[in-house]
Amino acid sequence: MKNEIAKKRQHRGWSQAELGMMIGVSRQTIISIEKGKYDPSLPLAFKLARVFECRIEDLFDDELASARQDPSPQQKGI
């Protein structure tokens, strides 16, 4: 799942370890989330949203939802 975690974290000047400590996970977990290799649980996603003071939807982009909202040329009938 694509996400804005790294961008928002860097904008605030936080390291991966600092962010992990704030939400109670390891630096490795933050790395995996940022790379899209690990989709966080809903409680963890809420913690991330709280720490960044935004909505979960502002942090994560479900690629399937994006594809449904932005149809391909074939879906548009072009």
N, C-alpha and C. Protein backbone atom coordinates (compact mmCIF):
# COMPACT_ATOMS: atom_id res chain seq x y z
N MET A 1 0.84 -1.17 0.00
CA MET A 1 0.00 0.00 0.00
C MET A 1 0.89 1.25 0.00
N LYS A 2 0.61 2.15 -0.91
CA LYS A 2 1.38 3.39 -0.97
C LYS A 2 1.05 4.24 0.26
N ASN A 3 2.05 4.99 0.72
CA ASN A 3 1.79 5.85 1.88
C ASN A 3 2.69 7.07 1.87
N GLU A 4 2.33 8.01 2.71
CA GLU A 4 3.04 9.29 2.83
C GLU A 4 3.85 9.37 4.12
N ILE A 5 4.08 8.24 4.78
CA ILE A 5 4.73 8.24 6.09
C ILE A 5 6.13 8.84 6.02
N ALA A 6 6.96 8.37 5.10
CA ALA A 6 8.34 8.87 5.02
C ALA A 6 8.37 10.37 4.77
N LYS A 7 7.54 10.83 3.86
CA LYS A 7 7.52 12.26 3.53
C LYS A 7 7.10 13.09 4.74
N LYS A 8 6.05 12.67 5.41
CA LYS A 8 5.57 13.42 6.57
C LYS A 8 6.56 13.35 7.73
N ARG A 9 7.19 12.19 7.91
CA ARG A 9 8.18 12.02 8.97
C ARG A 9 9.39 12.92 8.73
N GLN A 10 9.89 12.92 7.51
CA GLN A 10 11.05 13.75 7.17
C GLN A 10 10.73 15.23 7.28
N HIS A 11 9.51 15.61 6.90
CA HIS A 11 9.09 17.01 7.00
C HIS A 11 9.14 17.49 8.45
N ARG A 12 8.87 16.61 9.38
CA ARG A 12 8.91 16.97 10.80
C ARG A 12 10.29 16.78 11.42
N GLY A 13 11.21 16.23 10.63
CA GLY A 13 12.58 16.06 11.13
C GLY A 13 12.75 14.89 12.08
N TRP A 14 11.86 13.92 12.01
CA TRP A 14 11.93 12.75 12.88
C TRP A 14 12.69 11.62 12.19
N SER A 15 13.44 10.88 12.96
CA SER A 15 14.07 9.67 12.43
C SER A 15 13.04 8.54 12.47
N GLN A 16 13.36 7.45 11.79
CA GLN A 16 12.48 6.29 11.83
C GLN A 16 12.39 5.73 13.24
N ALA A 17 13.51 5.76 13.95
CA ALA A 17 13.53 5.27 15.34
C ALA A 17 12.66 6.14 16.24
N GLU A 18 12.73 7.46 16.05
CA GLU A 18 11.91 8.37 16.87
C GLU A 18 10.42 8.13 16.63
N LEU A 19 10.03 8.00 15.37
CA LEU A 19 8.63 7.75 15.06
C LEU A 19 8.20 6.42 15.66
N GLY A 20 9.04 5.41 15.54
CA GLY A 20 8.72 4.12 16.12
C GLY A 20 8.50 4.20 17.62
N MET A 21 9.35 4.94 18.31
CA MET A 21 9.20 5.10 19.76
C MET A 21 7.89 5.82 20.10
N MET A 22 7.51 6.80 19.29
CA MET A 22 6.28 7.56 19.55
C MET A 22 5.03 6.69 19.48
N ILE A 23 5.06 5.69 18.61
CA ILE A 23 3.86 4.87 18.43
C ILE A 23 4.02 3.44 18.96
N GLY A 24 5.18 3.14 19.53
CA GLY A 24 5.38 1.85 20.18
C GLY A 24 5.74 0.70 19.26
N VAL A 25 6.47 0.99 18.18
CA VAL A 25 6.94 -0.08 17.29
C VAL A 25 8.44 0.12 17.04
N SER A 26 9.05 -0.86 16.41
CA SER A 26 10.48 -0.78 16.12
C SER A 26 10.76 0.08 14.88
N ARG A 27 12.01 0.47 14.77
CA ARG A 27 12.45 1.20 13.58
C ARG A 27 12.24 0.35 12.34
N GLN A 28 12.47 -0.95 12.47
CA GLN A 28 12.30 -1.86 11.34
C GLN A 28 10.85 -1.88 10.86
N THR A 29 9.91 -1.77 11.79
CA THR A 29 8.50 -1.73 11.41
C THR A 29 8.21 -0.47 10.61
N ILE A 30 8.77 0.67 11.04
CA ILE A 30 8.57 1.92 10.31
C ILE A 30 9.16 1.80 8.91
N ILE A 31 10.35 1.22 8.81
CA ILE A 31 10.98 1.03 7.50
C ILE A 31 10.08 0.19 6.60
N SER A 32 9.53 -0.90 7.12
CA SER A 32 8.67 -1.78 6.33
C SER A 32 7.39 -1.08 5.89
N ILE A 33 6.82 -0.28 6.78
CA ILE A 33 5.61 0.46 6.42
C ILE A 33 5.93 1.47 5.33
N GLU A 34 7.01 2.23 5.50
CA GLU A 34 7.38 3.25 4.52
C GLU A 34 7.64 2.65 3.15
N LYS A 35 8.23 1.47 3.11
CA LYS A 35 8.52 0.81 1.83
C LYS A 35 7.31 0.10 1.24
N GLY A 36 6.21 0.08 1.98
CA GLY A 36 5.02 -0.60 1.49
C GLY A 36 5.08 -2.11 1.60
N LYS A 37 6.02 -2.61 2.40
CA LYS A 37 6.16 -4.06 2.56
C LYS A 37 5.31 -4.59 3.70
N TYR A 38 4.78 -3.69 4.52
CA TYR A 38 3.95 -4.08 5.66
C TYR A 38 2.79 -3.12 5.76
N ASP A 39 1.58 -3.65 5.74
CA ASP A 39 0.38 -2.83 5.94
C ASP A 39 0.05 -2.86 7.43
N PRO A 40 0.04 -1.70 8.07
CA PRO A 40 -0.20 -1.69 9.51
C PRO A 40 -1.63 -2.09 9.86
N SER A 41 -1.79 -2.58 11.07
CA SER A 41 -3.12 -2.88 11.57
C SER A 41 -3.90 -1.58 11.70
N LEU A 42 -5.19 -1.68 11.84
CA LEU A 42 -6.01 -0.48 12.00
C LEU A 42 -5.62 0.32 13.24
N PRO A 43 -5.41 -0.33 14.41
CA PRO A 43 -4.98 0.45 15.58
C PRO A 43 -3.65 1.18 15.34
N LEU A 44 -2.72 0.54 14.64
CA LEU A 44 -1.44 1.18 14.35
C LEU A 44 -1.63 2.33 13.37
N ALA A 45 -2.49 2.16 12.39
CA ALA A 45 -2.76 3.25 11.45
C ALA A 45 -3.36 4.45 12.17
N PHE A 46 -4.24 4.20 13.14
CA PHE A 46 -4.80 5.30 13.93
C PHE A 46 -3.72 6.00 14.73
N LYS A 47 -2.79 5.25 15.31
CA LYS A 47 -1.68 5.86 16.06
C LYS A 47 -0.86 6.76 15.14
N LEU A 48 -0.57 6.27 13.94
CA LEU A 48 0.20 7.08 12.99
C LEU A 48 -0.56 8.35 12.63
N ALA A 49 -1.84 8.23 12.39
CA ALA A 49 -2.65 9.40 12.04
C ALA A 49 -2.66 10.41 13.20
N ARG A 50 -2.76 9.90 14.43
CA ARG A 50 -2.75 10.82 15.59
C ARG A 50 -1.43 11.56 15.70
N VAL A 51 -0.33 10.85 15.53
CA VAL A 51 0.97 11.48 15.70
C VAL A 51 1.23 12.52 14.59
N PHE A 52 0.68 12.28 13.41
CA PHE A 52 0.83 13.24 12.30
C PHE A 52 -0.33 14.24 12.23
N GLU A 53 -1.27 14.10 13.16
CA GLU A 53 -2.41 15.01 13.24
C GLU A 53 -3.16 15.11 11.92
N CYS A 54 -3.52 13.92 11.39
CA CYS A 54 -4.25 13.88 10.13
C CYS A 54 -5.15 12.65 10.12
N ARG A 55 -5.86 12.43 9.04
CA ARG A 55 -6.71 11.27 8.88
C ARG A 55 -5.90 10.10 8.31
N ILE A 56 -6.34 8.91 8.57
CA ILE A 56 -5.68 7.72 8.01
C ILE A 56 -5.60 7.84 6.49
N GLU A 57 -6.68 8.32 5.88
CA GLU A 57 -6.73 8.45 4.42
C GLU A 57 -5.68 9.43 3.89
N ASP A 58 -5.21 10.33 4.74
CA ASP A 58 -4.16 11.27 4.34
C ASP A 58 -2.79 10.60 4.33
N LEU A 59 -2.67 9.48 5.01
CA LEU A 59 -1.39 8.77 5.10
C LEU A 59 -1.28 7.61 4.11
N PHE A 60 -2.40 6.92 3.87
CA PHE A 60 -2.37 5.70 3.07
C PHE A 60 -3.24 5.82 1.84
N ASP A 61 -2.75 5.24 0.73
CA ASP A 61 -3.48 5.23 -0.52
C ASP A 61 -3.65 3.79 -0.96
N ASP A 62 -4.85 3.29 -0.83
CA ASP A 62 -5.13 1.93 -1.28
C ASP A 62 -5.11 1.94 -2.81
N GLU A 63 -4.16 1.26 -3.40
CA GLU A 63 -4.00 1.27 -4.86
C GLU A 63 -5.25 0.79 -5.57
N LEU A 64 -5.97 -0.15 -4.99
CA LEU A 64 -7.20 -0.62 -5.62
C LEU A 64 -8.25 0.48 -5.61
N ALA A 65 -8.36 1.20 -4.53
CA ALA A 65 -9.33 2.30 -4.45
C ALA A 65 -8.95 3.38 -5.45
N SER A 66 -7.67 3.66 -5.60
CA SER A 66 -7.22 4.67 -6.56
C SER A 66 -7.57 4.24 -7.98
N ALA A 67 -7.40 2.96 -8.27
CA ALA A 67 -7.70 2.47 -9.61
C ALA A 67 -9.19 2.58 -9.91
N ARG A 68 -10.02 2.37 -8.89
CA ARG A 68 -11.47 2.49 -9.08
C ARG A 68 -11.87 3.94 -9.32
N GLN A 69 -11.17 4.89 -8.68
CA GLN A 69 -11.52 6.29 -8.80
C GLN A 69 -10.97 6.91 -10.07
N ASP A 70 -9.87 6.38 -10.59
CA ASP A 70 -9.23 6.93 -11.78
C ASP A 70 -9.20 5.83 -12.85
N PRO A 71 -10.28 5.65 -13.57
CA PRO A 71 -10.35 4.54 -14.52
C PRO A 71 -9.31 4.64 -15.63
N SER A 72 -8.89 3.47 -16.10
CA SER A 72 -7.95 3.41 -17.21
C SER A 72 -8.65 3.83 -18.49
N PRO A 73 -7.89 4.12 -19.55
CA PRO A 73 -8.52 4.49 -20.82
C PRO A 73 -9.52 3.44 -21.30
N GLN A 74 -9.26 2.14 -21.06
CA GLN A 74 -10.20 1.09 -21.46
C GLN A 74 -11.52 1.22 -20.69
N GLN A 75 -11.42 1.53 -19.40
CA GLN A 75 -12.62 1.67 -18.59
C GLN A 75 -13.40 2.93 -18.98
N LYS A 76 -12.70 3.94 -19.49
CA LYS A 76 -13.36 5.16 -19.90
C LYS A 76 -14.04 5.02 -21.26
N GLY A 77 -13.72 3.91 -21.95
CA GLY A 77 -14.30 3.68 -23.26
C GLY A 77 -13.54 4.38 -24.38
N ILE A 78 -12.27 4.67 -24.13
CA ILE A 78 -11.44 5.35 -25.14
C ILE A 78 -10.73 4.32 -25.97
